[in-house]
Amino acid sequence: MPCLNEARTLAACIQKAQTFLADHSISGEVIIADNGSTDGSVEIAQRMKARVVSVKSRGYGAALAEGIEAAAGEYVIMGDSDESYDFSALAPFLEKLREGYDLVMGNRFRGGIAPGAMPPTHRYFGNPFLTALGRLFFASKQCGDFYCGLRGFRKEAVRRLELQSRGMEFALEMVVKAEMHSLRITEVPTTLSRDGRDRAPHLRSFRDGWRSLRFYLLMSPRWFFGIPGLVLLIVGAITSALLFKGPISVGSVTFDYHTLVYSTSAIVLGYQSLLLFTFAKLMAVETGLHPSTRFGFLEERSTLERFLVIGIVLGLIGVVLGIVAANLWRATHFGQLRPDFTIRLVICSVLFLLLCGQTVLAGFYFGLMNLLAERRTQRALAAPPPVEVLK
């Protein structure tokens, strides 16, 4: 249980958890991860024989991370110490864990939310909306309540996720990474009661809602960069191909080279977004945020040369289009031109030159990633093998 000045409710939470352990003959412990309480919470926990872990780093995630690390059991059940969750009703979580699941999420919407336990804006909009986004972005079919604080998991499975968040995003990162690493996930109904605090909660609706959305977008470059970039690239390419031949009329509206400027800009932006998607994915893998990806071939030594070749081809197309436009101008003795046709050549020439520059620069970035990958491999080979301790 993470704890920050929960003296009003902590004793009841510990009592319920200890009663559950005793009633089900479970060998376990109650851990209080204290985040700097000054209201006597630590003394209450010690008096009730709970194990207190003092966490110096501030933050909800920091408290949970150190509490989980300190746990001695195979299974861990975490929940807030504000009496909003019933620690005497943990049997469904334990049953699913014993069935072999790695992460068992509580679902408050299935179990029941007491009047006043959750603000209406959270219950009917914020939580369902952000959970729906999480299910979409990370293909999560098993979890219907991403924000439920009561959940159980196998300690070793969660340790392998290498969770990094130290704030309220910690709980989200656990669900997201569990999906990414294909852990076995399920959910059970759980209740949510009105908390017993006599002060305002730490939660801040708009701030924490934005932090959740920000976390989703940063953890899902496919939806932030990849899909929007692909749509822009396809729409821009089709529109540009149609307008390159000449104006197009739809009813009384005519689309000419003015629209071609925008469509080619969409191609550039889409292409850049796809490159950023790949950059972000590789960097996320390199830093441990994401598991290994099928884009690993981009870290090969020959990637730089491949991109240089592609960039040169794109640049040559741009140069050829520019030469054609210059020849048309020379044919008129550098006089008056047909602007509606010549400007199409110039626009497309500039497009391919920009794509050339982006591709060459991307190639050097992938070359840098190749150096990082090689260094990581060398460190792994140089590391001493693990020592097996016989008990």
Protein backbone atom coordinates (compact mmCIF):
# COMPACT_ATOMS: atom_id res chain seq x y z
CA MET A 1 0.00 0.00 0.00
CA PRO A 2 1.50 3.39 -0.94
CA CYS A 3 1.05 5.86 1.88
CA LEU A 4 1.34 9.61 2.28
CA ASN A 5 -0.35 10.94 5.41
CA GLU A 6 -3.10 8.32 5.57
CA ALA A 7 -3.39 8.07 9.38
CA ARG A 8 -7.17 8.37 9.22
CA THR A 9 -7.65 5.25 7.05
CA LEU A 10 -4.45 3.22 7.22
CA ALA A 11 -5.34 1.09 10.26
CA ALA A 12 -8.60 -0.13 8.71
CA CYS A 13 -6.82 -1.07 5.46
CA ILE A 14 -4.10 -3.00 7.28
CA GLN A 15 -6.68 -4.77 9.46
CA LYS A 16 -8.69 -5.91 6.44
CA ALA A 17 -5.60 -7.17 4.63
CA GLN A 18 -4.37 -9.08 7.70
CA THR A 19 -7.82 -10.58 8.21
CA PHE A 20 -7.86 -11.78 4.61
CA LEU A 21 -4.46 -13.44 5.00
CA ALA A 22 -5.51 -15.14 8.24
CA ASP A 23 -8.94 -16.27 7.02
CA HIS A 24 -7.46 -17.87 3.88
CA SER A 25 -4.40 -19.35 5.63
CA ILE A 26 -2.04 -17.41 3.39
CA SER A 27 1.58 -16.85 4.31
CA GLY A 28 1.99 -13.21 3.43
CA GLU A 29 2.85 -9.74 4.67
CA VAL A 30 1.37 -6.26 4.56
CA ILE A 31 3.84 -3.69 3.24
CA ILE A 32 3.35 0.05 3.68
CA ALA A 33 5.47 2.04 1.23
CA ASP A 34 5.64 5.34 3.06
CA ASN A 35 6.40 8.41 0.97
CA GLY A 36 7.26 10.81 3.79
CA SER A 37 4.20 10.81 6.05
CA THR A 38 4.20 13.27 8.96
CA ASP A 39 0.83 12.47 10.53
CA GLY A 40 1.74 9.30 12.41
CA SER A 41 0.99 6.85 9.60
CA VAL A 42 4.34 5.11 10.07
CA GLU A 43 3.74 4.58 13.79
CA ILE A 44 0.27 3.16 13.09
CA ALA A 45 1.68 0.67 10.58
CA GLN A 46 4.46 -0.42 12.92
CA ARG A 47 2.03 -0.82 15.80
CA MET A 48 -0.11 -3.12 13.65
CA LYS A 49 2.91 -5.25 12.69
CA ALA A 50 2.92 -4.17 9.04
CA ARG A 51 6.30 -3.84 7.37
CA VAL A 52 7.16 -0.23 6.60
CA VAL A 53 9.36 0.64 3.63
CA SER A 54 10.53 4.24 3.71
CA VAL A 55 10.64 5.72 0.23
CA LYS A 56 12.73 8.87 -0.11
CA SER A 57 11.85 9.59 -3.74
CA ARG A 58 8.52 11.38 -3.88
CA GLY A 59 5.79 10.13 -6.15
CA TYR A 60 3.03 7.50 -6.31
CA GLY A 61 5.04 5.36 -8.70
CA ALA A 62 8.22 5.65 -6.64
CA ALA A 63 6.39 4.39 -3.54
CA LEU A 64 4.84 1.48 -5.43
CA ALA A 65 8.12 0.53 -7.13
CA GLU A 66 10.09 0.31 -3.88
CA GLY A 67 7.25 -1.46 -2.09
CA ILE A 68 7.04 -4.07 -4.86
CA GLU A 69 10.81 -4.54 -4.83
CA ALA A 70 10.77 -5.07 -1.08
CA ALA A 71 8.00 -7.70 -1.23
CA ALA A 72 9.18 -11.22 -0.45
CA GLY A 73 6.23 -13.13 -1.87
CA GLU A 74 5.62 -14.57 -5.33
CA TYR A 75 2.38 -12.61 -5.71
CA VAL A 76 1.81 -8.93 -4.93
CA ILE A 77 -1.53 -7.18 -4.57
CA MET A 78 -1.36 -3.41 -4.52
CA GLY A 79 -4.03 -0.90 -3.60
CA ASP A 80 -4.49 2.57 -2.15
CA SER A 81 -4.57 2.97 1.62
CA ASP A 82 -7.53 5.36 1.72
CA GLU A 83 -10.26 2.74 2.35
CA SER A 84 -11.60 3.04 -1.18
CA TYR A 85 -10.76 -0.63 -1.84
CA ASP A 86 -11.80 -3.63 0.22
CA PHE A 87 -8.66 -5.55 1.18
CA SER A 88 -10.75 -8.29 2.78
CA ALA A 89 -12.16 -9.29 -0.63
CA LEU A 90 -9.01 -10.27 -2.49
CA ALA A 91 -9.87 -13.92 -3.11
CA PRO A 92 -10.77 -13.41 -6.83
CA PHE A 93 -7.36 -11.83 -7.46
CA LEU A 94 -5.52 -14.69 -5.76
CA GLU A 95 -7.55 -17.33 -7.61
CA LYS A 96 -6.64 -15.86 -11.00
CA LEU A 97 -2.98 -15.55 -10.06
CA ARG A 98 -2.93 -19.20 -9.01
CA GLU A 99 -4.48 -20.08 -12.37
CA GLY A 100 -1.34 -18.73 -14.01
CA TYR A 101 -2.20 -15.14 -14.91
CA ASP A 102 0.61 -12.59 -14.66
CA LEU A 103 -1.55 -9.51 -14.05
CA VAL A 104 -5.06 -9.43 -12.57
CA MET A 105 -6.77 -6.05 -12.86
CA GLY A 106 -9.74 -4.95 -10.81
CA ASN A 107 -12.71 -3.49 -12.69
CA ARG A 108 -14.72 -1.03 -10.63
CA PHE A 109 -17.36 -0.58 -13.30
CA ARG A 110 -18.19 -4.29 -13.14
CA GLY A 111 -17.97 -4.56 -9.36
CA GLY A 112 -19.83 -1.43 -8.35
CA ILE A 113 -19.00 2.19 -7.55
CA ALA A 114 -20.56 3.60 -4.40
CA PRO A 115 -22.29 7.01 -4.54
CA GLY A 116 -19.71 9.77 -4.19
CA ALA A 117 -16.77 7.41 -4.64
CA MET A 118 -15.87 8.75 -8.08
CA PRO A 119 -16.64 12.21 -9.53
CA PRO A 120 -19.24 12.05 -12.33
CA THR A 121 -16.79 13.54 -14.83
CA HIS A 122 -14.37 10.70 -14.10
CA ARG A 123 -17.01 7.98 -14.01
CA TYR A 124 -18.90 8.86 -17.17
CA PHE A 125 -16.27 10.59 -19.30
CA GLY A 126 -12.63 10.71 -18.19
CA ASN A 127 -12.06 7.12 -17.12
CA PRO A 128 -14.10 5.44 -19.91
CA PHE A 129 -12.59 7.72 -22.57
CA LEU A 130 -8.97 7.26 -21.52
CA THR A 131 -9.47 3.52 -20.99
CA ALA A 132 -10.96 3.26 -24.49
CA LEU A 133 -7.92 5.08 -25.89
CA GLY A 134 -5.61 2.73 -24.02
CA ARG A 135 -7.46 -0.33 -25.31
CA LEU A 136 -7.23 1.04 -28.86
CA PHE A 137 -3.61 2.20 -28.78
CA PHE A 138 -2.24 -0.95 -27.14
CA ALA A 139 -4.71 -3.59 -28.39
CA SER A 140 -5.84 -4.40 -24.86
CA LYS A 141 -8.87 -6.68 -24.88
CA GLN A 142 -8.67 -7.97 -21.32
CA CYS A 143 -8.65 -4.73 -19.33
CA GLY A 144 -11.76 -2.57 -19.07
CA ASP A 145 -10.57 -0.24 -16.30
CA PHE A 146 -7.02 0.99 -16.84
CA TYR A 147 -7.15 3.22 -13.75
CA CYS A 148 -8.21 0.72 -11.12
CA GLY A 149 -5.62 0.96 -8.33
CA LEU A 150 -6.41 -2.50 -6.97
CA ARG A 151 -4.58 -5.19 -8.91
CA GLY A 152 -2.53 -8.32 -8.35
CA PHE A 153 0.46 -9.67 -10.24
CA ARG A 154 3.37 -12.05 -10.18
CA LYS A 155 6.29 -10.05 -8.85
CA GLU A 156 8.87 -11.53 -11.21
CA ALA A 157 6.71 -10.85 -14.28
CA VAL A 158 6.34 -7.17 -13.38
CA ARG A 159 10.02 -6.84 -12.50
CA ARG A 160 10.91 -7.94 -16.02
CA LEU A 161 8.85 -5.04 -17.40
CA GLU A 162 11.44 -2.60 -15.92
CA LEU A 163 8.84 0.05 -15.11
CA GLN A 164 10.36 3.54 -15.12
CA SER A 165 7.60 6.01 -14.24
CA ARG A 166 7.73 7.46 -10.75
CA GLY A 167 4.48 9.41 -10.78
CA MET A 168 0.84 8.49 -11.34
CA GLU A 169 1.78 7.05 -14.75
CA PHE A 170 3.32 4.03 -13.00
CA ALA A 171 0.01 2.15 -12.88
CA LEU A 172 -0.64 2.91 -16.56
CA GLU A 173 2.86 1.85 -17.56
CA MET A 174 2.30 -1.49 -15.84
CA VAL A 175 -0.80 -2.22 -17.95
CA VAL A 176 0.70 -0.91 -21.19
CA LYS A 177 3.97 -2.80 -20.86
CA ALA A 178 2.18 -5.95 -19.77
CA GLU A 179 0.29 -5.82 -23.07
CA MET A 180 3.45 -5.09 -25.05
CA HIS A 181 5.28 -8.03 -23.47
CA SER A 182 2.31 -10.36 -23.99
CA LEU A 183 1.80 -11.15 -20.31
CA ARG A 184 -1.29 -13.13 -19.37
CA ILE A 185 -3.82 -10.51 -18.24
CA THR A 186 -7.34 -10.82 -16.90
CA GLU A 187 -9.67 -8.78 -14.73
CA VAL A 188 -12.09 -9.39 -11.87
CA PRO A 189 -14.94 -7.23 -10.54
CA THR A 190 -14.06 -5.09 -7.55
CA THR A 191 -15.87 -2.40 -5.62
CA LEU A 192 -14.96 1.22 -5.08
CA SER A 193 -16.06 2.93 -1.89
CA ARG A 194 -15.91 6.55 -0.94
CA ASP A 195 -12.47 7.17 0.54
CA GLY A 196 -12.15 7.93 4.22
CA ARG A 197 -9.87 10.93 3.91
CA ASP A 198 -10.70 14.23 5.60
CA ARG A 199 -8.76 16.17 2.96
CA ALA A 200 -8.79 16.66 -0.78
CA PRO A 201 -7.36 13.74 -2.81
CA HIS A 202 -3.98 13.98 -4.52
CA LEU A 203 -5.70 13.50 -7.90
CA ARG A 204 -6.04 16.55 -10.16
CA SER A 205 -8.55 15.91 -12.93
CA PHE A 206 -7.27 17.96 -15.85
CA ARG A 207 -3.58 17.73 -14.98
CA ASP A 208 -3.65 13.98 -14.50
CA GLY A 209 -5.93 13.49 -17.50
CA TRP A 210 -3.41 15.30 -19.68
CA ARG A 211 -0.55 13.31 -18.16
CA SER A 212 -2.39 10.11 -19.04
CA LEU A 213 -3.01 11.20 -22.62
CA ARG A 214 0.58 12.40 -22.94
CA PHE A 215 1.83 9.05 -21.67
CA TYR A 216 -0.34 7.13 -24.15
CA LEU A 217 0.92 9.20 -27.08
CA LEU A 218 4.57 8.92 -26.08
CA MET A 219 4.28 5.18 -25.51
CA SER A 220 2.49 4.63 -28.82
CA PRO A 221 4.48 6.23 -31.65
CA ARG A 222 2.40 4.17 -34.07
CA TRP A 223 -0.72 6.21 -33.24
CA PHE A 224 1.08 9.52 -32.65
CA PHE A 225 3.43 9.45 -35.66
CA GLY A 226 2.84 6.34 -37.77
CA ILE A 227 -0.86 6.25 -38.64
CA PRO A 228 -1.31 10.06 -39.07
CA GLY A 229 1.88 10.16 -41.16
CA LEU A 230 0.74 7.29 -43.38
CA VAL A 231 -2.65 8.94 -43.96
CA LEU A 232 -1.02 12.26 -44.87
CA LEU A 233 1.44 10.55 -47.20
CA ILE A 234 -1.21 8.53 -49.06
CA VAL A 235 -3.72 11.38 -49.38
CA GLY A 236 -0.98 13.80 -50.42
CA ALA A 237 0.48 11.40 -52.98
CA ILE A 238 -2.88 10.63 -54.61
CA THR A 239 -3.87 14.30 -54.74
CA SER A 240 -0.49 15.36 -56.12
CA ALA A 241 -0.55 12.66 -58.81
CA LEU A 242 -3.98 13.84 -59.99
CA LEU A 243 -3.08 17.53 -59.95
CA PHE A 244 0.28 17.08 -61.67
CA LYS A 245 -1.51 16.53 -65.01
CA GLY A 246 -3.59 19.68 -64.71
CA PRO A 247 -6.49 21.31 -62.86
CA ILE A 248 -9.37 19.18 -61.58
CA SER A 249 -12.90 20.48 -61.30
CA VAL A 250 -15.45 19.12 -58.86
CA GLY A 251 -18.74 20.80 -59.56
CA SER A 252 -18.12 24.52 -59.54
CA VAL A 253 -14.84 24.21 -57.60
CA THR A 254 -11.51 23.94 -59.44
CA PHE A 255 -8.37 22.57 -57.79
CA ASP A 256 -5.17 23.79 -59.43
CA TYR A 257 -1.48 24.12 -58.63
CA HIS A 258 -2.35 26.07 -55.48
CA THR A 259 -3.78 22.85 -54.06
CA LEU A 260 -0.72 20.97 -55.34
CA VAL A 261 1.44 23.05 -52.98
CA TYR A 262 -0.62 21.81 -50.03
CA SER A 263 -0.74 18.19 -51.19
CA THR A 264 3.03 18.02 -51.63
CA SER A 265 3.43 19.61 -48.19
CA ALA A 266 1.26 16.79 -46.85
CA ILE A 267 3.66 14.30 -48.45
CA VAL A 268 6.66 15.94 -46.78
CA LEU A 269 4.93 16.07 -43.39
CA GLY A 270 3.67 12.49 -43.73
CA TYR A 271 7.09 11.19 -44.73
CA GLN A 272 8.68 13.04 -41.81
CA SER A 273 6.09 11.60 -39.42
CA LEU A 274 6.84 8.06 -40.60
CA LEU A 275 10.55 8.64 -40.06
CA LEU A 276 9.83 10.02 -36.58
CA PHE A 277 7.70 6.95 -35.88
CA THR A 278 10.64 4.73 -36.71
CA PHE A 279 13.09 6.89 -34.73
CA ALA A 280 10.81 6.86 -31.68
CA LYS A 281 10.24 3.11 -31.88
CA LEU A 282 13.95 2.33 -32.05
CA MET A 283 14.74 4.73 -29.23
CA ALA A 284 11.97 3.25 -27.07
CA VAL A 285 13.45 -0.21 -27.59
CA GLU A 286 16.98 1.04 -26.90
CA THR A 287 15.93 2.65 -23.59
CA GLY A 288 13.81 -0.30 -22.46
CA LEU A 289 10.41 1.40 -22.83
CA HIS A 290 9.34 -1.08 -25.53
CA PRO A 291 10.21 -4.72 -26.16
CA SER A 292 12.23 -5.72 -29.23
CA THR A 293 10.65 -4.70 -32.52
CA ARG A 294 10.58 -5.86 -36.12
CA PHE A 295 12.36 -2.61 -37.04
CA GLY A 296 15.61 -4.00 -35.69
CA PHE A 297 16.92 -4.40 -39.25
CA LEU A 298 17.25 -0.60 -39.34
CA GLU A 299 20.09 -0.91 -36.82
CA GLU A 300 22.16 -2.98 -39.25
CA ARG A 301 25.46 -1.51 -40.43
CA SER A 302 24.34 -1.33 -44.08
CA THR A 303 21.25 0.79 -43.32
CA LEU A 304 23.12 4.08 -43.80
CA GLU A 305 24.25 3.09 -47.28
CA ARG A 306 20.75 1.95 -48.25
CA PHE A 307 19.25 5.26 -47.23
CA LEU A 308 21.98 7.15 -49.04
CA VAL A 309 21.13 5.28 -52.25
CA ILE A 310 17.40 5.99 -51.83
CA GLY A 311 18.16 9.63 -51.07
CA ILE A 312 20.34 9.95 -54.17
CA VAL A 313 17.58 8.47 -56.35
CA LEU A 314 15.02 10.92 -54.92
CA GLY A 315 17.46 13.78 -55.39
CA LEU A 316 18.10 12.81 -59.03
CA ILE A 317 14.35 12.84 -59.73
CA GLY A 318 14.15 16.31 -58.24
CA VAL A 319 17.10 17.51 -60.30
CA VAL A 320 15.65 16.06 -63.52
CA LEU A 321 12.31 17.79 -62.93
CA GLY A 322 14.17 21.03 -62.25
CA ILE A 323 16.19 20.66 -65.46
CA VAL A 324 13.02 20.06 -67.45
CA ALA A 325 11.50 23.24 -66.00
CA ALA A 326 14.70 25.18 -66.78
CA ASN A 327 14.74 23.89 -70.37
CA LEU A 328 11.16 25.03 -70.87
CA TRP A 329 12.20 28.45 -69.66
CA ARG A 330 15.26 28.43 -71.94
CA ALA A 331 13.05 27.49 -74.91
CA THR A 332 11.23 30.79 -74.46
CA HIS A 333 14.59 32.60 -74.34
CA PHE A 334 14.03 33.05 -70.59
CA GLY A 335 10.87 34.97 -71.27
CA GLN A 336 7.20 34.37 -70.50
CA LEU A 337 6.26 30.83 -69.34
CA ARG A 338 3.08 28.83 -68.93
CA PRO A 339 2.97 29.22 -65.15
CA ASP A 340 0.20 26.66 -64.67
CA PHE A 341 2.41 23.88 -66.12
CA THR A 342 5.93 24.98 -65.21
CA ILE A 343 5.09 25.60 -61.59
CA ARG A 344 3.92 21.98 -61.31
CA LEU A 345 7.37 20.83 -62.35
CA VAL A 346 9.03 23.20 -59.90
CA ILE A 347 6.77 22.14 -57.03
CA CYS A 348 7.45 18.44 -57.64
CA SER A 349 11.16 19.11 -58.08
CA VAL A 350 11.29 20.81 -54.68
CA LEU A 351 9.27 17.91 -53.21
CA PHE A 352 11.77 15.27 -54.29
CA LEU A 353 14.74 17.37 -53.21
CA LEU A 354 13.20 17.72 -49.73
CA LEU A 355 12.53 13.98 -49.57
CA CYS A 356 16.14 13.41 -50.62
CA GLY A 357 17.43 15.55 -47.75
CA GLN A 358 15.15 13.88 -45.21
CA THR A 359 16.17 10.40 -46.33
CA VAL A 360 19.91 11.12 -46.21
CA LEU A 361 19.64 12.65 -42.72
CA ALA A 362 17.53 9.70 -41.55
CA GLY A 363 20.20 7.35 -42.85
CA PHE A 364 22.84 8.99 -40.66
CA TYR A 365 20.51 8.77 -37.67
CA PHE A 366 20.06 5.05 -38.26
CA GLY A 367 23.82 4.79 -38.55
CA LEU A 368 24.10 6.27 -35.07
CA MET A 369 21.54 3.77 -33.80
CA ASN A 370 23.68 1.03 -35.33
CA LEU A 371 26.65 2.18 -33.25
CA LEU A 372 24.52 2.14 -30.10
CA ALA A 373 23.23 -1.36 -30.90
CA GLU A 374 26.75 -2.65 -31.50
CA ARG A 375 27.95 -1.15 -28.23
CA ARG A 376 25.02 -2.76 -26.38
CA THR A 377 25.88 -6.13 -27.92
CA GLN A 378 29.55 -5.77 -26.94
CA ARG A 379 28.60 -4.95 -23.34
CA ALA A 380 26.29 -7.97 -23.21
CA LEU A 381 29.07 -10.26 -24.47
CA ALA A 382 31.58 -8.80 -22.02
CA ALA A 383 29.27 -9.12 -19.00
CA PRO A 384 30.14 -12.01 -16.67
CA PRO A 385 27.68 -14.92 -16.71
CA PRO A 386 25.22 -15.11 -13.80
CA VAL A 387 26.41 -17.16 -10.85
CA GLU A 388 24.02 -19.89 -9.77
CA VAL A 389 23.76 -20.16 -6.01
CA LEU A 390 22.94 -23.61 -4.67
CA LYS A 391 20.58 -23.60 -1.71
